[in-house]
N, C-alpha and C. Protein backbone atom coordinates (compact mmCIF):
# COMPACT_ATOMS: atom_id res chain seq x y z
N MET A 1 -48.71 58.67 169.77
CA MET A 1 -49.99 59.56 169.74
C MET A 1 -50.44 59.55 167.96
N THR A 2 -51.48 59.41 167.76
CA THR A 2 -51.68 60.20 166.25
C THR A 2 -52.17 61.47 166.73
N HIS A 3 -52.27 62.08 165.77
CA HIS A 3 -52.10 63.27 165.31
C HIS A 3 -53.94 63.43 164.44
N PRO A 4 -54.77 64.39 165.45
CA PRO A 4 -56.22 64.12 164.59
C PRO A 4 -56.11 64.59 163.30
N VAL A 5 -55.42 65.22 162.72
CA VAL A 5 -55.26 65.63 161.29
C VAL A 5 -54.88 64.52 160.63
N ASP A 6 -54.22 63.78 160.73
CA ASP A 6 -53.78 62.32 160.67
C ASP A 6 -54.39 61.59 160.54
N VAL A 7 -55.62 61.63 161.80
CA VAL A 7 -56.88 60.58 161.69
C VAL A 7 -57.77 61.24 160.90
N HIS A 8 -57.93 62.60 160.67
CA HIS A 8 -59.00 62.92 159.63
C HIS A 8 -59.05 62.98 158.32
N VAL A 9 -57.82 63.08 158.18
CA VAL A 9 -57.35 62.69 156.29
C VAL A 9 -57.54 61.28 156.18
N GLY A 10 -56.96 60.18 157.62
CA GLY A 10 -57.55 58.86 157.01
C GLY A 10 -59.14 58.50 156.64
N LYS A 11 -59.99 59.14 157.65
CA LYS A 11 -61.19 59.04 157.41
C LYS A 11 -61.87 59.61 156.39
N ARG A 12 -61.40 60.81 156.01
CA ARG A 12 -61.46 60.92 154.77
C ARG A 12 -61.39 60.37 153.28
N ILE A 13 -60.43 59.68 153.53
CA ILE A 13 -59.79 58.58 152.27
C ILE A 13 -60.92 57.36 152.26
N ARG A 14 -60.72 56.86 153.53
CA ARG A 14 -62.27 55.84 153.85
C ARG A 14 -62.60 55.72 153.33
N HIS A 15 -63.83 56.97 153.60
CA HIS A 15 -65.12 57.67 153.57
C HIS A 15 -65.22 57.40 151.44
N ARG A 16 -64.15 58.18 150.90
CA ARG A 16 -63.97 58.41 149.61
C ARG A 16 -64.31 57.33 149.04
N ARG A 17 -62.77 55.99 149.22
CA ARG A 17 -63.04 54.76 149.03
C ARG A 17 -64.10 54.18 149.14
N TRP A 18 -64.82 54.19 150.59
CA TRP A 18 -66.49 53.95 150.22
C TRP A 18 -67.07 54.12 149.23
N MET A 19 -67.59 54.76 149.35
CA MET A 19 -68.86 55.99 148.51
C MET A 19 -68.48 55.40 146.84
N ILE A 20 -67.22 55.25 146.60
CA ILE A 20 -66.86 55.08 145.03
C ILE A 20 -66.59 53.40 145.17
N GLY A 21 -66.79 52.77 146.14
CA GLY A 21 -67.33 51.06 146.02
C GLY A 21 -65.75 50.47 146.11
N MET A 22 -64.74 51.24 146.42
CA MET A 22 -63.17 50.47 145.79
C MET A 22 -62.98 49.93 147.40
N THR A 23 -62.07 48.51 147.03
CA THR A 23 -61.56 47.98 148.23
C THR A 23 -60.22 48.75 148.43
N GLN A 24 -59.71 48.28 149.40
CA GLN A 24 -58.57 48.79 149.89
C GLN A 24 -57.42 48.18 149.07
N GLN A 25 -57.92 46.85 149.20
CA GLN A 25 -56.60 46.30 147.97
C GLN A 25 -56.65 47.01 146.45
N GLN A 26 -57.80 47.40 146.12
CA GLN A 26 -58.20 48.02 145.04
C GLN A 26 -56.78 49.25 145.31
N LEU A 27 -57.79 50.30 145.84
CA LEU A 27 -56.57 51.56 146.30
C LEU A 27 -55.53 51.20 146.39
N ALA A 28 -54.69 50.06 146.98
CA ALA A 28 -53.23 50.06 147.34
C ALA A 28 -52.52 49.69 146.33
N GLU A 29 -53.63 48.82 145.13
CA GLU A 29 -52.60 48.56 143.70
C GLU A 29 -52.61 49.79 143.10
N GLN A 30 -53.76 50.23 142.85
CA GLN A 30 -53.12 51.80 142.31
C GLN A 30 -52.13 52.56 142.72
N VAL A 31 -51.97 52.78 143.36
CA VAL A 31 -51.02 53.80 144.71
C VAL A 31 -49.92 53.22 144.46
N GLY A 32 -49.35 51.87 144.21
CA GLY A 32 -48.73 50.99 144.18
C GLY A 32 -48.21 50.84 145.53
N ILE A 33 -49.19 50.45 146.87
CA ILE A 33 -48.68 50.41 147.71
C ILE A 33 -49.62 48.70 148.28
N LYS A 34 -48.93 48.38 149.92
CA LYS A 34 -49.94 46.89 150.01
C LYS A 34 -51.21 47.63 150.81
N PHE A 35 -52.28 46.69 150.95
CA PHE A 35 -53.46 47.30 151.28
C PHE A 35 -53.20 47.66 152.97
N GLN A 36 -52.18 46.65 153.64
CA GLN A 36 -52.17 47.28 155.28
C GLN A 36 -51.51 48.61 154.92
N GLN A 37 -50.92 49.09 154.31
CA GLN A 37 -50.24 50.29 154.69
C GLN A 37 -51.79 51.60 154.24
N ILE A 38 -52.72 51.27 153.29
CA ILE A 38 -54.12 51.72 153.27
C ILE A 38 -54.86 51.74 154.32
N GLN A 39 -54.58 50.62 155.09
CA GLN A 39 -55.37 50.09 156.65
C GLN A 39 -54.76 51.69 157.89
N LYS A 40 -53.34 51.60 157.75
CA LYS A 40 -52.61 52.17 158.86
C LYS A 40 -52.96 53.98 158.46
N TYR A 41 -53.13 54.15 156.93
CA TYR A 41 -53.22 55.72 156.69
C TYR A 41 -55.06 55.55 157.29
N GLU A 42 -55.58 54.66 156.72
CA GLU A 42 -57.08 55.23 156.89
C GLU A 42 -57.66 55.41 158.91
N THR A 43 -56.44 54.31 159.73
CA THR A 43 -56.72 54.82 161.05
C THR A 43 -56.00 56.11 161.21
N GLY A 44 -55.32 56.53 160.92
CA GLY A 44 -54.20 57.02 161.08
C GLY A 44 -53.32 57.24 162.15
N MET A 45 -52.79 55.66 162.09
CA MET A 45 -51.52 54.90 162.50
C MET A 45 -50.44 55.83 161.79
N ASN A 46 -50.59 55.88 160.98
CA ASN A 46 -49.60 56.13 159.55
C ASN A 46 -49.96 57.43 158.87
N ARG A 47 -48.68 58.38 159.25
CA ARG A 47 -49.35 59.91 158.50
C ARG A 47 -48.81 59.69 156.58
N VAL A 48 -49.75 59.95 156.05
CA VAL A 48 -49.52 60.10 154.66
C VAL A 48 -48.79 61.13 154.13
N SER A 49 -47.89 60.93 153.36
CA SER A 49 -46.89 61.94 152.64
C SER A 49 -47.68 62.61 151.48
N ALA A 50 -47.39 63.77 151.42
CA ALA A 50 -47.75 64.53 150.21
C ALA A 50 -47.86 64.04 149.25
N SER A 51 -46.75 63.46 148.56
CA SER A 51 -46.70 62.82 147.52
C SER A 51 -47.81 61.15 147.31
N ARG A 52 -48.10 60.71 148.66
CA ARG A 52 -49.04 59.76 148.32
C ARG A 52 -49.90 60.22 148.75
N LEU A 53 -50.43 61.23 149.17
CA LEU A 53 -51.79 61.82 148.94
C LEU A 53 -52.19 62.33 147.90
N TRP A 54 -51.72 62.97 147.13
CA TRP A 54 -51.65 62.99 145.56
C TRP A 54 -52.04 62.22 144.94
N ASP A 55 -51.00 60.57 144.71
CA ASP A 55 -51.46 59.49 144.28
C ASP A 55 -52.79 58.76 144.82
N ILE A 56 -53.29 59.02 146.19
CA ILE A 56 -54.45 58.79 146.54
C ILE A 56 -55.43 59.23 146.01
N ALA A 57 -55.37 61.42 145.71
CA ALA A 57 -56.28 61.73 145.50
C ALA A 57 -56.56 61.56 143.86
N HIS A 58 -55.67 61.31 143.23
CA HIS A 58 -55.55 60.75 141.82
C HIS A 58 -57.04 59.34 141.73
N ALA A 59 -56.39 58.15 142.63
CA ALA A 59 -56.63 57.51 142.42
C ALA A 59 -58.53 57.47 142.63
N LEU A 60 -59.10 58.11 143.57
CA LEU A 60 -60.11 58.71 144.38
C LEU A 60 -61.11 59.41 143.66
N ASP A 61 -59.85 60.05 142.47
CA ASP A 61 -60.30 61.31 141.52
C ASP A 61 -61.29 62.65 142.25
N VAL A 62 -60.47 62.50 143.87
CA VAL A 62 -60.93 64.47 144.41
C VAL A 62 -59.82 65.28 144.49
N PRO A 63 -59.88 66.57 144.60
CA PRO A 63 -58.50 67.24 144.67
C PRO A 63 -57.99 67.09 146.26
N ILE A 64 -56.85 67.52 146.03
CA ILE A 64 -55.82 67.41 147.51
C ILE A 64 -57.02 67.16 148.63
N SER A 65 -57.65 69.07 148.28
CA SER A 65 -57.93 69.83 149.44
C SER A 65 -59.59 68.59 150.06
N PHE A 66 -59.83 67.55 149.30
CA PHE A 66 -60.83 67.06 149.62
C PHE A 66 -60.49 66.14 151.18
N PHE A 67 -59.81 65.75 151.01
CA PHE A 67 -58.88 65.62 152.60
C PHE A 67 -59.16 66.41 153.68
N PHE A 68 -59.59 67.94 153.48
CA PHE A 68 -58.78 68.29 154.57
C PHE A 68 -60.09 69.29 155.25
N GLU A 69 -61.34 68.79 154.14
CA GLU A 69 -62.50 69.64 154.23
C GLU A 69 -63.01 68.82 155.41
N GLY A 70 -63.69 69.76 156.28
CA GLY A 70 -64.48 69.78 157.59
C GLY A 70 -63.44 69.83 159.06
N ILE A 71 -62.41 69.95 158.65
CA ILE A 71 -61.58 70.38 159.86
C ILE A 71 -60.96 71.89 160.16
N SER A 72 -61.16 72.44 161.20
CA SER A 72 -60.96 74.13 161.32
C SER A 72 -59.46 74.01 161.83
N GLU A 73 -59.02 75.20 161.99
CA GLU A 73 -57.24 74.94 162.33
C GLU A 73 -57.34 74.86 163.37
N GLY A 74 -58.47 75.50 164.61
CA GLY A 74 -58.66 75.41 165.60
C GLY A 74 -58.84 73.89 165.96
N GLU A 75 -59.22 73.28 165.68
CA GLU A 75 -59.27 71.44 165.98
C GLU A 75 -58.02 70.58 165.49
N ALA A 76 -57.70 71.23 164.46
CA ALA A 76 -56.39 70.47 164.02
C ALA A 76 -55.10 71.09 165.74
N THR A 77 -54.92 72.48 165.94
CA THR A 77 -54.10 72.69 166.78
C THR A 77 -54.04 71.76 168.05
N GLU A 78 -55.57 72.27 168.66
CA GLU A 78 -56.29 71.82 170.04
C GLU A 78 -56.35 70.08 170.19
N GLY A 79 -55.99 69.34 168.88
CA GLY A 79 -56.53 67.82 169.01
C GLY A 79 -57.56 67.15 168.76
N LYS A 80 -58.80 68.00 168.80
CA LYS A 80 -60.28 67.94 168.92
C LYS A 80 -60.80 68.09 167.32
N VAL A 81 -61.45 67.12 166.76
CA VAL A 81 -61.98 66.90 165.98
C VAL A 81 -63.76 66.88 165.75
N GLN A 82 -64.36 67.34 165.24
CA GLN A 82 -65.95 67.13 165.80
C GLN A 82 -66.23 66.02 165.08
N GLY A 83 -67.29 65.32 165.73
CA GLY A 83 -67.77 63.86 165.04
C GLY A 83 -68.63 64.29 163.60
N ASP A 84 -68.32 63.62 162.87
CA ASP A 84 -68.48 63.30 161.90
C ASP A 84 -69.59 62.29 160.97
N ILE A 85 -70.42 62.80 160.75
CA ILE A 85 -71.89 62.16 160.27
C ILE A 85 -71.06 61.01 159.39
N LEU A 86 -70.66 60.76 158.60
CA LEU A 86 -70.07 60.15 157.98
C LEU A 86 -69.33 58.52 158.34
N ALA A 87 -69.37 59.05 159.65
CA ALA A 87 -68.78 58.13 160.48
C ALA A 87 -69.16 56.75 160.46
N ASP A 88 -70.78 57.45 160.37
CA ASP A 88 -72.22 56.22 160.80
C ASP A 88 -71.78 55.57 159.26
N LYS A 89 -72.12 54.47 159.94
CA LYS A 89 -72.24 53.26 158.34
C LYS A 89 -73.52 53.50 157.89
N GLU A 90 -74.72 53.51 158.55
CA GLU A 90 -75.73 53.79 158.09
C GLU A 90 -76.00 54.71 157.02
N ALA A 91 -75.45 56.56 157.91
CA ALA A 91 -75.24 57.06 156.71
C ALA A 91 -74.82 57.20 155.88
N MET A 92 -73.21 56.32 155.51
CA MET A 92 -72.55 56.21 154.73
C MET A 92 -73.38 55.50 153.13
N GLU A 93 -74.42 54.38 153.94
CA GLU A 93 -75.06 53.53 152.65
C GLU A 93 -75.99 54.70 152.24
N LEU A 94 -76.67 55.57 153.43
CA LEU A 94 -77.91 56.24 152.45
C LEU A 94 -77.39 56.99 151.33
N VAL A 95 -76.22 58.14 151.85
CA VAL A 95 -75.55 58.92 150.75
C VAL A 95 -74.98 58.18 149.59
N ARG A 96 -74.53 57.19 149.88
CA ARG A 96 -74.07 55.74 148.87
C ARG A 96 -75.77 55.69 147.76
N ALA A 97 -76.52 55.21 148.45
CA ALA A 97 -78.11 54.73 147.80
C ALA A 97 -78.52 56.34 146.87
N PHE A 98 -78.37 57.08 147.83
CA PHE A 98 -78.71 58.03 147.44
C PHE A 98 -78.39 58.73 145.81
N TYR A 99 -76.93 58.58 145.21
CA TYR A 99 -76.56 58.93 144.53
C TYR A 99 -76.36 57.84 143.73
N SER A 100 -76.79 56.88 143.79
CA SER A 100 -76.55 55.67 142.74
C SER A 100 -78.50 55.99 142.00
N ILE A 101 -79.30 56.60 142.90
CA ILE A 101 -80.71 57.36 142.01
C ILE A 101 -80.47 57.90 140.39
N PRO A 102 -81.16 58.11 139.91
CA PRO A 102 -81.01 58.54 138.51
C PRO A 102 -81.27 60.46 139.28
N GLU A 103 -80.15 61.16 138.53
CA GLU A 103 -80.29 63.21 138.72
C GLU A 103 -82.14 63.27 139.16
N GLU A 104 -82.72 63.19 138.01
CA GLU A 104 -84.43 63.89 138.21
C GLU A 104 -84.81 63.20 139.46
N GLN A 105 -84.90 61.82 139.54
CA GLN A 105 -85.74 61.14 141.14
C GLN A 105 -85.00 61.65 142.60
N ARG A 106 -83.36 61.97 141.95
CA ARG A 106 -82.88 62.18 143.37
C ARG A 106 -83.01 64.32 143.65
N ARG A 107 -83.69 64.35 142.89
CA ARG A 107 -83.98 65.80 143.03
C ARG A 107 -84.83 66.06 143.56
N ARG A 108 -86.23 65.42 143.24
CA ARG A 108 -86.94 64.72 143.73
C ARG A 108 -87.44 64.36 145.24
N LEU A 109 -86.52 63.68 145.30
CA LEU A 109 -85.81 63.11 146.86
C LEU A 109 -86.28 64.03 147.39
N PHE A 110 -84.85 64.65 147.14
CA PHE A 110 -84.31 65.48 148.03
C PHE A 110 -85.65 66.61 148.39
N GLU A 111 -85.66 66.95 147.13
CA GLU A 111 -86.78 67.97 147.64
C GLU A 111 -88.26 67.55 148.69
N LEU A 112 -88.23 66.30 148.46
CA LEU A 112 -89.43 65.84 149.71
C LEU A 112 -88.58 65.57 151.09
N ALA A 113 -87.35 65.06 151.21
CA ALA A 113 -86.56 65.43 152.41
C ALA A 113 -86.59 66.44 153.10
N ARG A 114 -86.49 67.62 152.34
CA ARG A 114 -86.53 68.74 152.57
C ARG A 114 -87.84 69.05 153.41
N VAL A 115 -88.88 68.82 152.43
CA VAL A 115 -90.54 69.58 153.02
C VAL A 115 -90.88 68.63 154.31
N LEU A 116 -90.39 67.47 154.48
CA LEU A 116 -90.53 66.33 155.54
C LEU A 116 -89.86 67.18 156.98
N SER A 117 -88.56 67.43 156.61
CA SER A 117 -87.81 68.01 157.88
C SER A 117 -88.36 69.29 158.27
N ALA A 118 -89.14 69.93 157.23
CA ALA A 118 -89.41 71.05 157.70
C ALA A 118 -90.92 71.08 158.76
N ALA A 119 -91.41 70.16 158.57
CA ALA A 119 -92.80 69.62 158.99
C ALA A 119 -92.61 69.45 160.61
């Protein structure tokens, strides 16, 4: 049975990889493993060792703590992890599109969204 923390870490790997437009094959090559192993990490089927997580964090340009964001001690020990909005492919596409917009326009779009959500 998969541990909820392994599933969470796998989702965070997949989300970050997808956000920067990297394929499983590209990540596997940077880390020095086969892409099938990346698939197993991303589903939580296989646990990621500390040294491998270090390599993955370096390849994805994030701190190690990134993989544990959004999970609490209670969720990890009780075996329940809250739903992740970024698990929705449409939400991920929206975030990716948002960050591809030039910074000044992105700030304006953000302010517009904030105003519209308050209406």
